[in-house]
Structure formats: C-alpha cells, structure tokens
Amino acid sequence: MPIIPKPSTAPSTRSEELRSFIFLSVVMAPVLAVLTVAGYGFVVWIYQMFAGPPGS
C-alpha cells in the first residue's frame, strides 16, 4: 500500500496573496481579455469566409 503524503495546509501569507492578486489583475485579466476578443474576431473571420461579408 503506497504512502500518500498529507497536503500542506499552511495558511498563505499576506505577501503571497498580494502577489497572486497582482498577477491575476495585471497579467491574467488583460491576457484573457485579448484572447477573448481575438478569438471572437477569428470566429467572425472564418464565418465570413464561408457565408460572405455582411450584406451580400
């Protein structure tokens, strides 16, 4: 029977939480916003390749 190590449950420190918040708000939120807009633009571009431009 393998020995399963107990997960560490040490509380995070204030500096770790601040670093995580800054990473999420300064890096991840803009990256996700750009990827979302770029993905939508790509989907519209591919759709228009098959369906034609609007009004045609």
N, C-alpha and C. Protein backbone atom coordinates (compact mmCIF):
# COMPACT_ATOMS: atom_id res chain seq x y z
N MET A 1 0.85 -1.18 0.00
CA MET A 1 0.00 0.00 0.00
C MET A 1 0.89 1.24 0.00
N PRO A 2 0.72 2.14 -0.99
CA PRO A 2 1.58 3.31 -1.05
C PRO A 2 1.24 4.32 0.04
N ILE A 3 2.23 5.04 0.44
CA ILE A 3 2.04 6.07 1.45
C ILE A 3 1.73 7.38 0.72
N ILE A 4 0.58 7.95 1.02
CA ILE A 4 0.15 9.19 0.39
C ILE A 4 0.50 10.35 1.31
N PRO A 5 1.33 11.29 0.81
CA PRO A 5 1.68 12.42 1.69
C PRO A 5 0.49 13.33 1.94
N LYS A 6 0.46 13.88 3.13
CA LYS A 6 -0.60 14.79 3.52
C LYS A 6 -0.38 16.14 2.85
N PRO A 7 -1.40 16.73 2.23
CA PRO A 7 -1.19 18.04 1.59
C PRO A 7 -0.91 19.12 2.63
N SER A 8 -0.08 20.07 2.24
CA SER A 8 0.25 21.17 3.13
C SER A 8 -0.95 22.10 3.26
N THR A 9 -1.32 22.40 4.48
CA THR A 9 -2.47 23.28 4.70
C THR A 9 -2.04 24.55 5.42
N ALA A 10 -0.78 24.94 5.23
CA ALA A 10 -0.30 26.17 5.86
C ALA A 10 -1.03 27.36 5.25
N PRO A 11 -1.48 28.28 6.08
CA PRO A 11 -2.18 29.45 5.53
C PRO A 11 -1.23 30.31 4.71
N SER A 12 -1.77 30.92 3.66
CA SER A 12 -0.94 31.78 2.82
C SER A 12 -0.67 33.10 3.53
N THR A 13 0.46 33.66 3.22
CA THR A 13 0.82 34.93 3.85
C THR A 13 0.22 36.09 3.06
N ARG A 14 0.25 37.25 3.67
CA ARG A 14 -0.30 38.45 3.04
C ARG A 14 0.46 38.79 1.75
N SER A 15 1.79 38.60 1.77
CA SER A 15 2.58 38.92 0.57
C SER A 15 2.27 37.95 -0.57
N GLU A 16 2.03 36.69 -0.25
CA GLU A 16 1.65 35.72 -1.29
C GLU A 16 0.30 36.09 -1.90
N GLU A 17 -0.63 36.49 -1.05
CA GLU A 17 -1.95 36.89 -1.57
C GLU A 17 -1.84 38.15 -2.42
N LEU A 18 -1.02 39.11 -2.01
CA LEU A 18 -0.84 40.32 -2.79
C LEU A 18 -0.19 40.00 -4.13
N ARG A 19 0.82 39.14 -4.13
CA ARG A 19 1.48 38.75 -5.37
C ARG A 19 0.51 38.02 -6.30
N SER A 20 -0.32 37.17 -5.75
CA SER A 20 -1.32 36.47 -6.56
C SER A 20 -2.34 37.44 -7.14
N PHE A 21 -2.79 38.38 -6.34
CA PHE A 21 -3.77 39.37 -6.82
C PHE A 21 -3.18 40.22 -7.94
N ILE A 22 -1.94 40.67 -7.76
CA ILE A 22 -1.30 41.50 -8.80
C ILE A 22 -1.13 40.69 -10.07
N PHE A 23 -0.71 39.44 -9.96
CA PHE A 23 -0.56 38.60 -11.14
C PHE A 23 -1.89 38.42 -11.86
N LEU A 24 -2.95 38.14 -11.10
CA LEU A 24 -4.25 37.93 -11.73
C LEU A 24 -4.79 39.20 -12.37
N SER A 25 -4.63 40.34 -11.70
CA SER A 25 -5.23 41.57 -12.22
C SER A 25 -4.37 42.26 -13.27
N VAL A 26 -3.04 42.16 -13.19
CA VAL A 26 -2.18 42.86 -14.12
C VAL A 26 -1.81 41.99 -15.32
N VAL A 27 -1.71 40.69 -15.13
CA VAL A 27 -1.28 39.80 -16.21
C VAL A 27 -2.45 39.01 -16.79
N MET A 28 -3.11 38.25 -15.96
CA MET A 28 -4.10 37.30 -16.49
C MET A 28 -5.36 37.97 -17.03
N ALA A 29 -5.87 38.98 -16.38
CA ALA A 29 -7.10 39.62 -16.86
C ALA A 29 -6.90 40.25 -18.24
N PRO A 30 -5.84 41.03 -18.48
CA PRO A 30 -5.65 41.55 -19.84
C PRO A 30 -5.39 40.47 -20.88
N VAL A 31 -4.64 39.45 -20.51
CA VAL A 31 -4.37 38.36 -21.46
C VAL A 31 -5.68 37.67 -21.83
N LEU A 32 -6.51 37.37 -20.86
CA LEU A 32 -7.79 36.72 -21.15
C LEU A 32 -8.70 37.63 -21.97
N ALA A 33 -8.68 38.93 -21.71
CA ALA A 33 -9.50 39.86 -22.49
C ALA A 33 -9.04 39.89 -23.94
N VAL A 34 -7.74 39.97 -24.17
CA VAL A 34 -7.21 39.99 -25.54
C VAL A 34 -7.51 38.67 -26.25
N LEU A 35 -7.34 37.56 -25.57
CA LEU A 35 -7.62 36.26 -26.19
C LEU A 35 -9.10 36.11 -26.52
N THR A 36 -9.97 36.64 -25.68
CA THR A 36 -11.40 36.56 -25.93
C THR A 36 -11.78 37.37 -27.17
N VAL A 37 -11.28 38.60 -27.26
CA VAL A 37 -11.58 39.45 -28.41
C VAL A 37 -10.97 38.87 -29.68
N ALA A 38 -9.74 38.40 -29.59
CA ALA A 38 -9.08 37.81 -30.76
C ALA A 38 -9.81 36.54 -31.20
N GLY A 39 -10.24 35.73 -30.25
CA GLY A 39 -10.99 34.52 -30.60
C GLY A 39 -12.31 34.84 -31.28
N TYR A 40 -13.00 35.84 -30.79
CA TYR A 40 -14.27 36.24 -31.42
C TYR A 40 -14.02 36.76 -32.83
N GLY A 41 -12.98 37.57 -33.00
CA GLY A 41 -12.64 38.08 -34.32
C GLY A 41 -12.28 36.95 -35.28
N PHE A 42 -11.57 35.95 -34.79
CA PHE A 42 -11.22 34.80 -35.62
C PHE A 42 -12.46 34.03 -36.04
N VAL A 43 -13.38 33.84 -35.12
CA VAL A 43 -14.63 33.12 -35.44
C VAL A 43 -15.42 33.89 -36.49
N VAL A 44 -15.53 35.20 -36.36
CA VAL A 44 -16.25 36.02 -37.33
C VAL A 44 -15.54 35.96 -38.68
N TRP A 45 -14.22 36.01 -38.70
CA TRP A 45 -13.46 35.95 -39.93
C TRP A 45 -13.69 34.62 -40.66
N ILE A 46 -13.62 33.52 -39.93
CA ILE A 46 -13.86 32.20 -40.53
C ILE A 46 -15.30 32.11 -41.03
N TYR A 47 -16.25 32.60 -40.26
CA TYR A 47 -17.66 32.58 -40.68
C TYR A 47 -17.84 33.35 -41.99
N GLN A 48 -17.20 34.52 -42.08
CA GLN A 48 -17.37 35.33 -43.29
C GLN A 48 -16.66 34.72 -44.50
N MET A 49 -15.66 33.85 -44.27
CA MET A 49 -15.05 33.16 -45.40
C MET A 49 -16.05 32.24 -46.08
N PHE A 50 -16.96 31.66 -45.31
CA PHE A 50 -17.93 30.72 -45.87
C PHE A 50 -19.26 31.40 -46.22
N ALA A 51 -19.69 32.35 -45.44
CA ALA A 51 -21.00 32.97 -45.63
C ALA A 51 -20.94 34.26 -46.42
N GLY A 52 -19.75 34.79 -46.63
CA GLY A 52 -19.62 36.06 -47.34
C GLY A 52 -19.70 37.23 -46.38
N PRO A 53 -19.29 38.41 -46.85
CA PRO A 53 -19.35 39.57 -45.99
C PRO A 53 -20.80 40.00 -45.73
N PRO A 54 -21.02 40.79 -44.70
CA PRO A 54 -22.37 41.22 -44.39
C PRO A 54 -22.99 42.01 -45.57
N GLY A 55 -24.24 41.76 -45.83
CA GLY A 55 -24.95 42.48 -46.88
C GLY A 55 -24.83 41.87 -48.26
N SER A 56 -24.13 40.73 -48.37
CA SER A 56 -24.01 40.15 -49.72
C SER A 56 -24.93 38.96 -49.90
